[in-house]
Amino acid sequence: MASQSSPLTTHVLDTASGIPARGLCLQLFRLEDRGQHWTELRKSYTDPDGRCPGLLTPGQMKPGIYKLFFDTENYWKERGQESFYPYVEIVFTVAKETQKFHVPLLLSPWSYTTYRGS
């Protein structure tokens, strides 16, 4: 999926090493059933540049609450590194399906930061 056609992208940077977080497993969910159930929309891995550009096609985006789940425990284990957070969940709201969302994650074994990017 090309990043230009996708309304939702992410980028993970390993700030402890100063490099992109390559091969980090992530899942995208949408909250359904009036807030009772998370539906998995996609499972993917970050590319060599730490990006996962095409999480949704334009037709899949609809208003609602979404969650990105990042498997940080396995990412750090594969690098022989202990970490404090076994996973990171970023929950966000989509108000209009025509908007574009970029959700970066800056990651270290002991902290993380996220924001709405462009």
N, C-alpha and C. Protein backbone atom coordinates (compact mmCIF):
# COMPACT_ATOMS: atom_id res chain seq x y z
N MET A 1 0.84 -1.17 0.00
CA MET A 1 0.00 0.00 0.00
C MET A 1 0.89 1.24 0.00
N ALA A 2 0.65 2.15 -0.83
CA ALA A 2 1.45 3.36 -0.90
C ALA A 2 1.03 4.32 0.20
N SER A 3 2.04 4.98 0.78
CA SER A 3 1.75 5.89 1.88
C SER A 3 0.92 7.09 1.42
N GLN A 4 1.03 7.49 0.15
CA GLN A 4 0.29 8.64 -0.33
C GLN A 4 -1.21 8.37 -0.40
N SER A 5 -1.59 7.12 -0.57
CA SER A 5 -3.01 6.80 -0.66
C SER A 5 -3.60 6.42 0.69
N SER A 6 -2.77 6.17 1.68
CA SER A 6 -3.27 5.74 2.97
C SER A 6 -3.56 6.93 3.88
N PRO A 7 -4.73 6.94 4.51
CA PRO A 7 -5.05 8.03 5.43
C PRO A 7 -4.41 7.87 6.81
N LEU A 8 -3.77 6.71 7.07
CA LEU A 8 -3.16 6.46 8.37
C LEU A 8 -1.78 5.84 8.21
N THR A 9 -0.78 6.48 8.79
CA THR A 9 0.59 5.97 8.74
C THR A 9 1.22 6.06 10.13
N THR A 10 2.30 5.33 10.33
CA THR A 10 3.08 5.43 11.56
C THR A 10 4.55 5.30 11.23
N HIS A 11 5.38 5.74 12.17
CA HIS A 11 6.83 5.72 12.03
C HIS A 11 7.39 5.54 13.44
N VAL A 12 8.24 4.53 13.63
CA VAL A 12 8.79 4.25 14.96
C VAL A 12 10.30 4.46 14.92
N LEU A 13 10.77 5.31 15.83
CA LEU A 13 12.21 5.57 15.94
C LEU A 13 12.72 5.04 17.28
N ASP A 14 13.81 4.28 17.21
CA ASP A 14 14.48 3.76 18.39
C ASP A 14 15.43 4.86 18.87
N THR A 15 14.97 5.66 19.81
CA THR A 15 15.76 6.82 20.25
C THR A 15 16.96 6.42 21.09
N ALA A 16 16.93 5.22 21.67
CA ALA A 16 18.08 4.75 22.44
C ALA A 16 19.28 4.47 21.53
N SER A 17 19.01 4.01 20.32
CA SER A 17 20.07 3.69 19.37
C SER A 17 20.24 4.75 18.30
N GLY A 18 19.24 5.63 18.17
CA GLY A 18 19.30 6.66 17.15
C GLY A 18 19.03 6.16 15.75
N ILE A 19 18.26 5.07 15.65
CA ILE A 19 17.95 4.48 14.34
C ILE A 19 16.45 4.16 14.26
N PRO A 20 15.94 3.93 13.05
CA PRO A 20 14.55 3.49 12.92
C PRO A 20 14.35 2.13 13.57
N ALA A 21 13.17 1.90 14.10
CA ALA A 21 12.83 0.62 14.74
C ALA A 21 12.33 -0.35 13.67
N ARG A 22 13.24 -1.10 13.12
CA ARG A 22 12.95 -2.04 12.04
C ARG A 22 12.36 -3.34 12.60
N GLY A 23 11.30 -3.84 11.94
CA GLY A 23 10.73 -5.14 12.27
C GLY A 23 9.88 -5.18 13.52
N LEU A 24 9.40 -4.04 13.98
CA LEU A 24 8.54 -4.00 15.16
C LEU A 24 7.11 -4.37 14.75
N CYS A 25 6.54 -5.35 15.43
CA CYS A 25 5.18 -5.80 15.13
C CYS A 25 4.17 -4.81 15.70
N LEU A 26 3.16 -4.50 14.91
CA LEU A 26 2.09 -3.62 15.38
C LEU A 26 0.76 -4.09 14.83
N GLN A 27 -0.29 -3.72 15.54
CA GLN A 27 -1.65 -4.06 15.13
C GLN A 27 -2.51 -2.80 15.21
N LEU A 28 -3.44 -2.71 14.30
CA LEU A 28 -4.40 -1.61 14.28
C LEU A 28 -5.78 -2.15 14.59
N PHE A 29 -6.48 -1.49 15.51
CA PHE A 29 -7.82 -1.88 15.92
C PHE A 29 -8.76 -0.69 15.82
N ARG A 30 -10.06 -0.98 15.68
CA ARG A 30 -11.11 0.04 15.76
C ARG A 30 -12.11 -0.42 16.83
N LEU A 31 -12.56 0.52 17.65
CA LEU A 31 -13.53 0.22 18.69
C LEU A 31 -14.92 0.10 18.07
N GLU A 32 -15.56 -1.03 18.32
CA GLU A 32 -16.87 -1.32 17.73
C GLU A 32 -17.90 -1.58 18.84
N ASP A 33 -19.10 -1.83 18.42
CA ASP A 33 -20.20 -2.24 19.32
C ASP A 33 -20.36 -1.28 20.50
N ARG A 34 -20.43 0.01 20.17
CA ARG A 34 -20.64 1.04 21.20
C ARG A 34 -19.61 0.96 22.32
N GLY A 35 -18.38 0.76 21.92
CA GLY A 35 -17.29 0.78 22.89
C GLY A 35 -17.06 -0.51 23.64
N GLN A 36 -17.58 -1.61 23.13
CA GLN A 36 -17.47 -2.89 23.84
C GLN A 36 -16.43 -3.84 23.27
N HIS A 37 -15.96 -3.59 22.05
CA HIS A 37 -15.12 -4.59 21.39
C HIS A 37 -14.14 -3.94 20.43
N TRP A 38 -12.87 -4.33 20.53
CA TRP A 38 -11.85 -3.87 19.57
C TRP A 38 -11.79 -4.86 18.43
N THR A 39 -11.91 -4.37 17.20
CA THR A 39 -11.81 -5.20 16.01
C THR A 39 -10.45 -4.96 15.35
N GLU A 40 -9.71 -6.04 15.14
CA GLU A 40 -8.40 -5.90 14.48
C GLU A 40 -8.61 -5.62 13.00
N LEU A 41 -7.97 -4.57 12.51
CA LEU A 41 -8.06 -4.20 11.10
C LEU A 41 -6.83 -4.62 10.32
N ARG A 42 -5.69 -4.66 11.01
CA ARG A 42 -4.45 -4.99 10.31
C ARG A 42 -3.35 -5.33 11.31
N LYS A 43 -2.51 -6.27 10.92
CA LYS A 43 -1.28 -6.59 11.64
C LYS A 43 -0.14 -6.38 10.65
N SER A 44 0.92 -5.74 11.10
CA SER A 44 2.01 -5.42 10.20
C SER A 44 3.31 -5.30 10.98
N TYR A 45 4.40 -5.05 10.24
CA TYR A 45 5.72 -4.83 10.83
C TYR A 45 6.32 -3.58 10.20
N THR A 46 7.11 -2.87 10.99
CA THR A 46 7.77 -1.70 10.45
C THR A 46 8.84 -2.12 9.44
N ASP A 47 9.02 -1.30 8.42
CA ASP A 47 10.01 -1.57 7.38
C ASP A 47 11.40 -1.15 7.85
N PRO A 48 12.43 -1.28 7.02
CA PRO A 48 13.79 -0.90 7.43
C PRO A 48 13.94 0.56 7.87
N ASP A 49 13.02 1.42 7.44
CA ASP A 49 13.05 2.82 7.84
C ASP A 49 12.17 3.08 9.07
N GLY A 50 11.64 2.01 9.69
CA GLY A 50 10.79 2.16 10.86
C GLY A 50 9.37 2.59 10.54
N ARG A 51 9.00 2.54 9.28
CA ARG A 51 7.68 3.02 8.85
C ARG A 51 6.73 1.86 8.55
N CYS A 52 5.48 2.16 8.73
CA CYS A 52 4.41 1.26 8.32
C CYS A 52 3.40 2.16 7.62
N PRO A 53 3.66 2.47 6.35
CA PRO A 53 2.94 3.55 5.68
C PRO A 53 1.47 3.29 5.38
N GLY A 54 1.08 2.11 4.99
CA GLY A 54 -0.28 1.91 4.53
C GLY A 54 -1.11 1.06 5.46
N LEU A 55 -1.51 1.63 6.57
CA LEU A 55 -2.30 0.85 7.53
C LEU A 55 -3.75 0.68 7.11
N LEU A 56 -4.30 1.66 6.41
CA LEU A 56 -5.67 1.60 5.93
C LEU A 56 -5.74 2.13 4.51
N THR A 57 -6.69 1.63 3.77
CA THR A 57 -6.98 2.23 2.48
C THR A 57 -7.96 3.38 2.74
N PRO A 58 -8.07 4.34 1.83
CA PRO A 58 -9.00 5.45 2.06
C PRO A 58 -10.43 4.99 2.36
N GLY A 59 -10.88 3.94 1.74
CA GLY A 59 -12.24 3.45 1.97
C GLY A 59 -12.45 2.80 3.33
N GLN A 60 -11.37 2.38 3.99
CA GLN A 60 -11.49 1.75 5.30
C GLN A 60 -11.60 2.76 6.45
N MET A 61 -11.17 3.98 6.21
CA MET A 61 -11.18 5.00 7.26
C MET A 61 -12.61 5.49 7.48
N LYS A 62 -13.05 5.44 8.73
CA LYS A 62 -14.34 5.99 9.07
C LYS A 62 -14.23 6.60 10.46
N PRO A 63 -15.11 7.53 10.79
CA PRO A 63 -15.04 8.15 12.11
C PRO A 63 -15.15 7.10 13.22
N GLY A 64 -14.39 7.32 14.29
CA GLY A 64 -14.43 6.40 15.41
C GLY A 64 -13.17 6.46 16.24
N ILE A 65 -13.03 5.50 17.13
CA ILE A 65 -11.87 5.41 17.99
C ILE A 65 -11.01 4.25 17.51
N TYR A 66 -9.72 4.51 17.37
CA TYR A 66 -8.75 3.55 16.86
C TYR A 66 -7.66 3.34 17.89
N LYS A 67 -6.96 2.20 17.77
CA LYS A 67 -5.85 1.90 18.66
C LYS A 67 -4.72 1.28 17.85
N LEU A 68 -3.52 1.80 18.03
CA LEU A 68 -2.31 1.16 17.52
C LEU A 68 -1.63 0.45 18.68
N PHE A 69 -1.38 -0.83 18.52
CA PHE A 69 -0.72 -1.66 19.54
C PHE A 69 0.67 -2.01 19.02
N PHE A 70 1.69 -1.63 19.75
CA PHE A 70 3.08 -1.90 19.36
C PHE A 70 3.67 -2.94 20.32
N ASP A 71 4.19 -4.04 19.79
CA ASP A 71 4.78 -5.10 20.59
C ASP A 71 6.23 -4.75 20.92
N THR A 72 6.41 -3.87 21.88
CA THR A 72 7.75 -3.38 22.22
C THR A 72 8.57 -4.43 22.97
N GLU A 73 7.94 -5.30 23.73
CA GLU A 73 8.68 -6.32 24.48
C GLU A 73 9.50 -7.20 23.55
N ASN A 74 8.86 -7.73 22.51
CA ASN A 74 9.59 -8.59 21.58
C ASN A 74 10.63 -7.83 20.78
N TYR A 75 10.34 -6.58 20.46
CA TYR A 75 11.33 -5.75 19.75
C TYR A 75 12.62 -5.65 20.57
N TRP A 76 12.48 -5.33 21.86
CA TRP A 76 13.68 -5.18 22.70
C TRP A 76 14.34 -6.52 22.98
N LYS A 77 13.56 -7.58 23.18
CA LYS A 77 14.13 -8.92 23.42
C LYS A 77 15.00 -9.35 22.25
N GLU A 78 14.53 -9.11 21.03
CA GLU A 78 15.30 -9.49 19.84
C GLU A 78 16.63 -8.74 19.77
N ARG A 79 16.74 -7.65 20.49
CA ARG A 79 17.97 -6.86 20.51
C ARG A 79 18.78 -7.09 21.78
N GLY A 80 18.34 -8.06 22.59
CA GLY A 80 19.04 -8.39 23.82
C GLY A 80 18.93 -7.31 24.89
N GLN A 81 17.84 -6.56 24.84
CA GLN A 81 17.66 -5.41 25.72
C GLN A 81 16.46 -5.63 26.63
N GLU A 82 16.64 -5.39 27.91
CA GLU A 82 15.53 -5.39 28.85
C GLU A 82 14.74 -4.10 28.63
N SER A 83 13.45 -4.14 28.93
CA SER A 83 12.64 -2.92 28.78
C SER A 83 11.57 -2.87 29.87
N PHE A 84 11.06 -1.69 30.11
CA PHE A 84 10.06 -1.46 31.14
C PHE A 84 8.64 -1.68 30.62
N TYR A 85 8.38 -1.30 29.36
CA TYR A 85 7.05 -1.39 28.79
C TYR A 85 6.94 -2.61 27.87
N PRO A 86 6.05 -3.58 28.19
CA PRO A 86 5.91 -4.75 27.32
C PRO A 86 5.19 -4.42 26.01
N TYR A 87 4.40 -3.37 26.02
CA TYR A 87 3.73 -2.91 24.81
C TYR A 87 3.37 -1.45 24.97
N VAL A 88 3.07 -0.82 23.84
CA VAL A 88 2.58 0.55 23.82
C VAL A 88 1.27 0.56 23.05
N GLU A 89 0.26 1.16 23.64
CA GLU A 89 -1.02 1.34 22.96
C GLU A 89 -1.27 2.83 22.80
N ILE A 90 -1.58 3.22 21.58
CA ILE A 90 -1.93 4.62 21.31
C ILE A 90 -3.37 4.61 20.81
N VAL A 91 -4.23 5.23 21.59
CA VAL A 91 -5.65 5.30 21.26
C VAL A 91 -5.96 6.72 20.80
N PHE A 92 -6.65 6.84 19.67
CA PHE A 92 -6.92 8.16 19.10
C PHE A 92 -8.28 8.17 18.41
N THR A 93 -8.79 9.36 18.19
CA THR A 93 -10.11 9.55 17.59
C THR A 93 -9.98 10.08 16.17
N VAL A 94 -10.74 9.50 15.28
CA VAL A 94 -10.87 9.99 13.91
C VAL A 94 -12.25 10.65 13.81
N ALA A 95 -12.26 11.95 13.57
CA ALA A 95 -13.53 12.67 13.48
C ALA A 95 -14.07 12.68 12.06
N LYS A 96 -13.17 12.77 11.07
CA LYS A 96 -13.58 12.83 9.67
C LYS A 96 -12.76 11.84 8.86
N GLU A 97 -13.43 11.05 8.06
CA GLU A 97 -12.73 10.04 7.26
C GLU A 97 -11.87 10.65 6.16
N THR A 98 -12.02 11.93 5.90
CA THR A 98 -11.23 12.59 4.86
C THR A 98 -9.89 13.11 5.38
N GLN A 99 -9.69 13.10 6.69
CA GLN A 99 -8.43 13.56 7.27
C GLN A 99 -7.34 12.52 7.11
N LYS A 100 -6.09 12.98 7.16
CA LYS A 100 -4.94 12.07 7.17
C LYS A 100 -4.33 12.11 8.55
N PHE A 101 -3.86 10.94 9.00
CA PHE A 101 -3.27 10.81 10.32
C PHE A 101 -1.90 10.14 10.22
N HIS A 102 -0.91 10.76 10.86
CA HIS A 102 0.41 10.16 11.00
C HIS A 102 0.69 10.09 12.49
N VAL A 103 0.94 8.88 13.00
CA VAL A 103 1.10 8.67 14.44
C VAL A 103 2.50 8.12 14.70
N PRO A 104 3.48 9.00 14.93
CA PRO A 104 4.84 8.56 15.21
C PRO A 104 4.98 8.05 16.65
N LEU A 105 5.95 7.15 16.84
CA LEU A 105 6.30 6.66 18.17
C LEU A 105 7.81 6.77 18.33
N LEU A 106 8.24 7.51 19.34
CA LEU A 106 9.65 7.61 19.70
C LEU A 106 9.85 6.69 20.88
N LEU A 107 10.76 5.71 20.74
CA LEU A 107 10.80 4.59 21.66
C LEU A 107 12.19 4.36 22.25
N SER A 108 12.24 4.12 23.54
CA SER A 108 13.46 3.64 24.20
C SER A 108 13.03 2.53 25.15
N PRO A 109 13.96 1.79 25.73
CA PRO A 109 13.55 0.72 26.65
C PRO A 109 12.83 1.24 27.90
N TRP A 110 12.99 2.51 28.22
CA TRP A 110 12.48 3.04 29.47
C TRP A 110 11.44 4.16 29.29
N SER A 111 11.17 4.53 28.06
CA SER A 111 10.20 5.61 27.84
C SER A 111 9.68 5.56 26.41
N TYR A 112 8.60 6.30 26.19
CA TYR A 112 8.12 6.49 24.82
C TYR A 112 7.36 7.81 24.74
N THR A 113 7.29 8.34 23.52
CA THR A 113 6.59 9.58 23.24
C THR A 113 5.85 9.41 21.93
N THR A 114 4.70 10.02 21.84
CA THR A 114 3.93 10.01 20.61
C THR A 114 3.26 11.35 20.41
N TYR A 115 2.83 11.61 19.20
CA TYR A 115 2.15 12.85 18.88
C TYR A 115 1.43 12.66 17.55
N ARG A 116 0.56 13.58 17.23
CA ARG A 116 -0.07 13.53 15.90
C ARG A 116 0.82 14.29 14.93
N GLY A 117 1.37 13.57 14.01
CA GLY A 117 2.27 14.16 13.02
C GLY A 117 1.53 14.57 11.78
N SER A 118 2.30 14.93 10.77
CA SER A 118 1.69 15.34 9.50
C SER A 118 2.26 14.53 8.35
